[in-house]
Amino acid sequence: MAPPPINPPTGNYIEEYREIVEHQLAELDISFKKRNEAPATLSISDLGPLETAIIYDSGLSFEIMDKGYLCNISRYFSNALNGPFKEATTRIIRLRHDFPWAVYAMLDFLKNGSYYMYPVLLQQYPRITMLDLHVHCYIVADKYDLPALANYAGANCLRIVADALMLDWKFDDPDFYDESESLPCVNYHPYDMCAEAEVSRFLDSVVLLWRNTASSNDALRKEVVDMIKACFIKLMRLKSFQFVFSNLRDFRLDLEKSFGENGLVIMYRARKENGYKVAFEA
């Protein structure tokens, strides 16, 4: 049965929108399949001759995958399973220091070609967004050398970012950001779809991406920077963006470098009071 269309909510629109989304999840049967709980011990005797096991989530979860398929889609897994490492003998790979749901979504993508906003994930992290999940998947795709997943997650990231930057949000600081002023930290309701909430979530994902990628040459970072440049002045009239810009050093440097390649320099105009104002000089 097709899900009902989402009409503009009326009255208490947040609750109405929540009910609509929950109904659509039920109708679409986007159900969470309980992750396999890793046994106390897992050995090669538990695997078929062409299988390998991926253990993640601090050893709490695992997935059985076809070894040849993994090796074909990822140089990381190919090197691990065919190189001079113990994984080549045990055919058991332990993934460490990852967001468990990113690995779960990665494995879902490898099996089914896509991933979703899983209901149990939303229960555990009510404020996580689809953009956050795409960024998390992009991060693990880069780490484990999965170009198909990186392209899928990156393309979906850029689509959501483009939509967010096209919104008409309200300005809370039209002239400058004074660091002596308190930064308005608004905790928007997860189902609040106002422009300000969407931009706030976009900035959260910017921080997530820049803190988990190592180089300004990262393909997704470059694409996001180019999109931000097109509406940089508009964004700088938001204190939340100014705060990210001034405190996320690599993000600021990437923007400065990119503007510099276009012959523009971001000038920070000091005032007598604390704070600054930005302008461009060719």
Protein backbone atom coordinates (compact mmCIF):
# COMPACT_ATOMS: atom_id res chain seq x y z
CA MET A 1 0.00 0.00 0.00
CA ALA A 2 1.38 3.38 -0.95
CA PRO A 3 1.99 5.82 1.91
CA PRO A 4 -0.31 8.83 2.18
CA PRO A 5 1.01 12.11 0.77
CA ILE A 6 2.45 14.61 3.20
CA ASN A 7 0.20 17.65 3.22
CA PRO A 8 1.13 20.92 4.91
CA PRO A 9 0.41 20.32 8.60
CA THR A 10 -1.98 22.53 10.50
CA GLY A 11 -2.41 23.34 14.16
CA ASN A 12 0.20 21.53 16.19
CA TYR A 13 2.22 20.77 13.08
CA ILE A 14 5.12 19.12 14.90
CA GLU A 15 2.94 16.39 16.38
CA GLU A 16 0.97 16.01 13.16
CA TYR A 17 4.18 15.65 11.16
CA ARG A 18 5.51 13.10 13.65
CA GLU A 19 2.36 11.00 13.25
CA ILE A 20 2.59 11.20 9.44
CA VAL A 21 6.23 10.09 9.41
CA GLU A 22 5.58 7.24 11.83
CA HIS A 23 2.64 6.11 9.71
CA GLN A 24 4.78 6.17 6.58
CA LEU A 25 7.47 4.11 8.29
CA ALA A 26 4.85 1.50 9.14
CA GLU A 27 3.33 1.52 5.66
CA LEU A 28 6.69 1.26 3.93
CA ASP A 29 7.73 -1.49 6.35
CA ILE A 30 11.13 0.07 6.90
CA SER A 31 11.66 -2.23 9.83
CA PHE A 32 14.76 -2.74 11.85
CA LYS A 33 16.09 -6.27 11.70
CA LYS A 34 17.82 -7.05 14.93
CA ARG A 35 21.54 -7.07 14.49
CA ASN A 36 23.24 -10.41 14.86
CA GLU A 37 24.66 -10.68 18.34
CA ALA A 38 28.23 -11.91 18.15
CA PRO A 39 28.81 -15.13 20.08
CA ALA A 40 31.39 -15.30 22.82
CA THR A 41 33.73 -17.01 20.36
CA LEU A 42 33.63 -17.02 16.59
CA SER A 43 36.07 -19.12 14.60
CA ILE A 44 36.70 -20.20 11.05
CA SER A 45 34.79 -23.41 11.78
CA ASP A 46 31.62 -21.30 12.00
CA LEU A 47 32.12 -20.03 8.44
CA GLY A 48 31.51 -21.59 5.07
CA PRO A 49 34.50 -22.07 2.75
CA LEU A 50 33.74 -18.82 0.87
CA GLU A 51 32.56 -16.74 3.82
CA THR A 52 34.13 -14.14 6.07
CA ALA A 53 32.83 -12.53 9.26
CA ILE A 54 32.82 -8.82 10.05
CA ILE A 55 32.65 -8.06 13.77
CA TYR A 56 31.85 -4.52 14.91
CA ASP A 57 30.15 -2.52 17.67
CA SER A 58 32.90 -3.38 20.19
CA GLY A 59 32.46 -7.05 19.41
CA LEU A 60 28.71 -7.06 20.07
CA SER A 61 27.54 -7.49 16.47
CA PHE A 62 28.68 -9.36 13.39
CA GLU A 63 27.72 -10.06 9.79
CA ILE A 64 28.65 -12.97 7.54
CA MET A 65 29.63 -11.86 4.03
CA ASP A 66 30.92 -13.49 0.87
CA LYS A 67 34.70 -13.18 0.85
CA GLY A 68 35.06 -12.78 -2.91
CA TYR A 69 32.42 -10.04 -3.01
CA LEU A 70 34.13 -8.08 -0.23
CA CYS A 71 37.49 -8.36 -1.92
CA ASN A 72 36.08 -7.16 -5.25
CA ILE A 73 34.45 -4.02 -3.85
CA SER A 74 37.11 -2.91 -1.36
CA ARG A 75 40.89 -2.87 -1.47
CA TYR A 76 40.86 -2.59 2.33
CA PHE A 77 39.06 -5.91 2.73
CA SER A 78 41.01 -7.47 -0.13
CA ASN A 79 44.32 -6.57 1.51
CA ALA A 80 43.13 -7.80 4.90
CA LEU A 81 41.86 -11.15 3.59
CA ASN A 82 44.62 -11.84 1.09
CA GLY A 83 47.66 -10.19 2.66
CA PRO A 84 50.14 -11.24 5.34
CA PHE A 85 47.67 -10.62 8.15
CA LYS A 86 45.90 -12.93 10.60
CA GLU A 87 42.56 -12.02 8.97
CA ALA A 88 43.71 -13.93 5.87
CA THR A 89 43.85 -17.07 8.00
CA THR A 90 40.91 -16.57 10.34
CA ARG A 91 38.67 -14.82 7.77
CA ILE A 92 37.37 -12.73 10.69
CA ILE A 93 37.72 -8.95 10.46
CA ARG A 94 37.17 -6.73 13.48
CA LEU A 95 36.17 -3.15 12.73
CA ARG A 96 37.06 -0.75 15.53
CA HIS A 97 36.39 2.84 16.51
CA ASP A 98 33.39 3.33 14.22
CA PHE A 99 29.87 4.55 14.87
CA PRO A 100 28.08 1.15 15.01
CA TRP A 101 25.09 2.35 13.03
CA ALA A 102 27.37 3.59 10.26
CA VAL A 103 28.80 0.08 9.95
CA TYR A 104 25.30 -1.40 10.07
CA ALA A 105 24.20 0.95 7.26
CA MET A 106 27.39 0.14 5.35
CA LEU A 107 26.64 -3.58 5.54
CA ASP A 108 23.02 -2.92 4.57
CA PHE A 109 24.27 -1.05 1.50
CA LEU A 110 26.66 -3.86 0.58
CA LYS A 111 23.80 -6.37 0.76
CA ASN A 112 20.89 -4.33 -0.60
CA GLY A 113 22.31 -1.28 -2.38
CA SER A 114 20.85 1.27 0.02
CA TYR A 115 20.30 2.10 3.69
CA TYR A 116 17.59 3.88 5.64
CA MET A 117 16.85 5.87 8.75
CA TYR A 118 16.25 2.84 10.94
CA PRO A 119 13.52 3.31 13.58
CA VAL A 120 15.68 1.85 16.37
CA LEU A 121 18.48 4.27 15.42
CA LEU A 122 16.01 7.14 15.85
CA GLN A 123 14.97 5.76 19.20
CA GLN A 124 18.57 5.70 20.39
CA TYR A 125 19.53 9.06 18.81
CA PRO A 126 16.33 11.12 18.42
CA ARG A 127 18.15 14.11 16.93
CA ILE A 128 20.15 12.27 14.27
CA THR A 129 19.22 13.24 10.72
CA MET A 130 19.42 11.51 7.38
CA LEU A 131 22.21 13.95 6.48
CA ASP A 132 24.13 12.83 9.58
CA LEU A 133 23.71 9.20 8.57
CA HIS A 134 24.94 9.93 5.03
CA VAL A 135 28.01 11.67 6.49
CA HIS A 136 28.68 8.74 8.84
CA CYS A 137 28.43 6.34 5.89
CA TYR A 138 30.74 8.52 3.81
CA ILE A 139 33.29 8.41 6.64
CA VAL A 140 33.28 4.60 6.90
CA ALA A 141 33.28 4.31 3.09
CA ASP A 142 36.46 6.38 2.99
CA LYS A 143 38.03 4.42 5.83
CA TYR A 144 37.29 1.01 4.29
CA ASP A 145 37.85 2.03 0.68
CA LEU A 146 34.31 1.51 -0.62
CA PRO A 147 33.95 3.90 -3.58
CA ALA A 148 30.39 2.81 -4.42
CA LEU A 149 29.21 3.64 -0.90
CA ALA A 150 31.21 6.88 -0.86
CA ASN A 151 29.56 7.99 -4.11
CA TYR A 152 26.10 7.04 -2.88
CA ALA A 153 26.46 8.73 0.50
CA GLY A 154 28.22 11.77 -0.96
CA ALA A 155 25.59 12.35 -3.64
CA ASN A 156 22.79 12.15 -1.08
CA CYS A 157 24.68 14.53 1.23
CA LEU A 158 25.01 17.11 -1.53
CA ARG A 159 21.34 16.82 -2.45
CA ILE A 160 20.24 17.52 1.13
CA VAL A 161 22.79 20.34 1.55
CA ALA A 162 21.58 21.99 -1.66
CA ASP A 163 18.00 21.87 -0.40
CA ALA A 164 18.99 23.36 2.97
CA LEU A 165 20.99 26.21 1.44
CA MET A 166 18.08 27.18 -0.80
CA LEU A 167 15.83 27.84 2.19
CA ASP A 168 14.88 31.35 3.29
CA TRP A 169 15.96 31.45 6.92
CA LYS A 170 15.79 34.34 9.35
CA PHE A 171 18.93 36.34 10.12
CA ASP A 172 19.81 36.71 13.78
CA ASP A 173 22.90 38.91 13.33
CA PRO A 174 22.83 41.05 10.19
CA ASP A 175 26.09 42.91 10.80
CA PHE A 176 28.65 41.11 12.94
CA TYR A 177 29.28 38.39 15.48
CA ASP A 178 30.38 39.61 18.88
CA GLU A 179 32.04 36.78 20.78
CA SER A 180 31.14 38.51 24.04
CA GLU A 181 27.50 37.79 23.26
CA SER A 182 25.93 34.49 24.10
CA LEU A 183 25.45 32.20 21.11
CA PRO A 184 21.82 31.22 20.65
CA CYS A 185 21.84 27.42 20.91
CA VAL A 186 18.39 26.29 19.88
CA ASN A 187 17.52 22.64 20.32
CA TYR A 188 14.98 22.23 17.55
CA HIS A 189 12.41 19.48 17.76
CA PRO A 190 13.44 16.56 15.51
CA TYR A 191 10.27 17.01 13.45
CA ASP A 192 10.55 20.79 13.19
CA MET A 193 11.03 21.48 9.48
CA CYS A 194 11.44 25.26 9.66
CA ALA A 195 14.32 26.75 7.66
CA GLU A 196 16.30 27.64 10.78
CA ALA A 197 16.08 24.05 12.07
CA GLU A 198 17.23 22.64 8.73
CA VAL A 199 20.23 24.99 8.59
CA SER A 200 21.12 24.15 12.20
CA ARG A 201 21.13 20.43 11.33
CA PHE A 202 23.24 21.16 8.25
CA LEU A 203 25.84 22.89 10.44
CA ASP A 204 25.90 19.89 12.79
CA SER A 205 26.75 17.71 9.80
CA VAL A 206 29.45 20.15 8.68
CA VAL A 207 31.15 19.71 12.06
CA LEU A 208 30.77 15.93 11.81
CA LEU A 209 32.30 15.84 8.32
CA TRP A 210 35.24 18.13 9.03
CA ARG A 211 36.14 16.46 12.32
CA ASN A 212 36.27 13.02 10.70
CA THR A 213 38.04 13.70 7.40
CA ALA A 214 41.73 14.40 7.33
CA SER A 215 42.38 16.46 4.22
CA SER A 216 41.16 19.59 2.49
CA ASN A 217 41.43 17.50 -0.69
CA ASP A 218 38.55 15.30 0.44
CA ALA A 219 36.06 15.22 -2.42
CA LEU A 220 32.93 15.80 -0.33
CA ARG A 221 34.50 18.63 1.64
CA LYS A 222 35.39 20.38 -1.62
CA GLU A 223 31.86 20.03 -2.94
CA VAL A 224 30.31 21.34 0.28
CA VAL A 225 32.72 24.30 0.34
CA ASP A 226 31.75 25.23 -3.21
CA MET A 227 28.09 25.17 -2.26
CA ILE A 228 28.68 27.26 0.86
CA LYS A 229 30.67 29.84 -1.10
CA ALA A 230 27.63 30.60 -3.23
CA CYS A 231 25.70 31.81 -0.17
CA PHE A 232 28.54 32.66 2.23
CA ILE A 233 27.39 36.21 2.99
CA LYS A 234 23.88 34.97 3.69
CA LEU A 235 25.23 32.30 6.05
CA MET A 236 27.50 34.79 7.82
CA ARG A 237 24.40 36.59 9.00
CA LEU A 238 23.69 33.60 11.21
CA LYS A 239 25.49 33.50 14.55
CA SER A 240 25.49 29.72 14.50
CA PHE A 241 27.39 29.68 11.19
CA GLN A 242 29.76 32.39 12.42
CA PHE A 243 30.50 30.29 15.48
CA VAL A 244 31.29 27.21 13.38
CA PHE A 245 33.35 29.29 10.97
CA SER A 246 35.46 30.83 13.72
CA ASN A 247 35.92 27.68 15.83
CA LEU A 248 36.23 24.87 13.26
CA ARG A 249 39.73 25.70 12.07
CA ASP A 250 40.01 23.33 9.09
CA PHE A 251 36.58 24.40 7.84
CA ARG A 252 37.64 28.05 7.93
CA LEU A 253 40.95 27.30 6.25
CA ASP A 254 39.22 25.34 3.48
CA LEU A 255 36.90 28.28 2.79
CA GLU A 256 39.75 30.78 2.84
CA LYS A 257 41.78 28.59 0.47
CA SER A 258 38.87 28.13 -1.92
CA PHE A 259 38.07 31.85 -2.00
CA GLY A 260 41.78 32.53 -2.52
CA GLU A 261 41.76 30.33 -5.61
CA ASN A 262 39.14 32.74 -6.98
CA GLY A 263 41.31 35.76 -6.15
CA LEU A 264 39.34 36.72 -3.05
CA VAL A 265 40.62 37.19 0.48
CA ILE A 266 38.34 37.14 3.52
CA MET A 267 39.17 40.22 5.58
CA TYR A 268 38.40 40.31 9.29
CA ARG A 269 37.56 43.87 10.26
CA ALA A 270 38.30 44.42 13.94
CA ARG A 271 36.07 46.72 15.96
CA LYS A 272 36.70 48.58 19.16
CA GLU A 273 34.51 46.09 20.96
CA ASN A 274 35.08 42.35 20.92
CA GLY A 275 34.14 40.53 17.76
CA TYR A 276 34.69 41.00 14.08
CA LYS A 277 33.05 41.66 10.74
CA VAL A 278 34.01 39.98 7.49
CA ALA A 279 34.40 41.46 4.03
CA PHE A 280 36.08 40.45 0.77
CA GLU A 281 39.01 41.99 -1.03
CA ALA A 282 40.16 40.97 -4.47
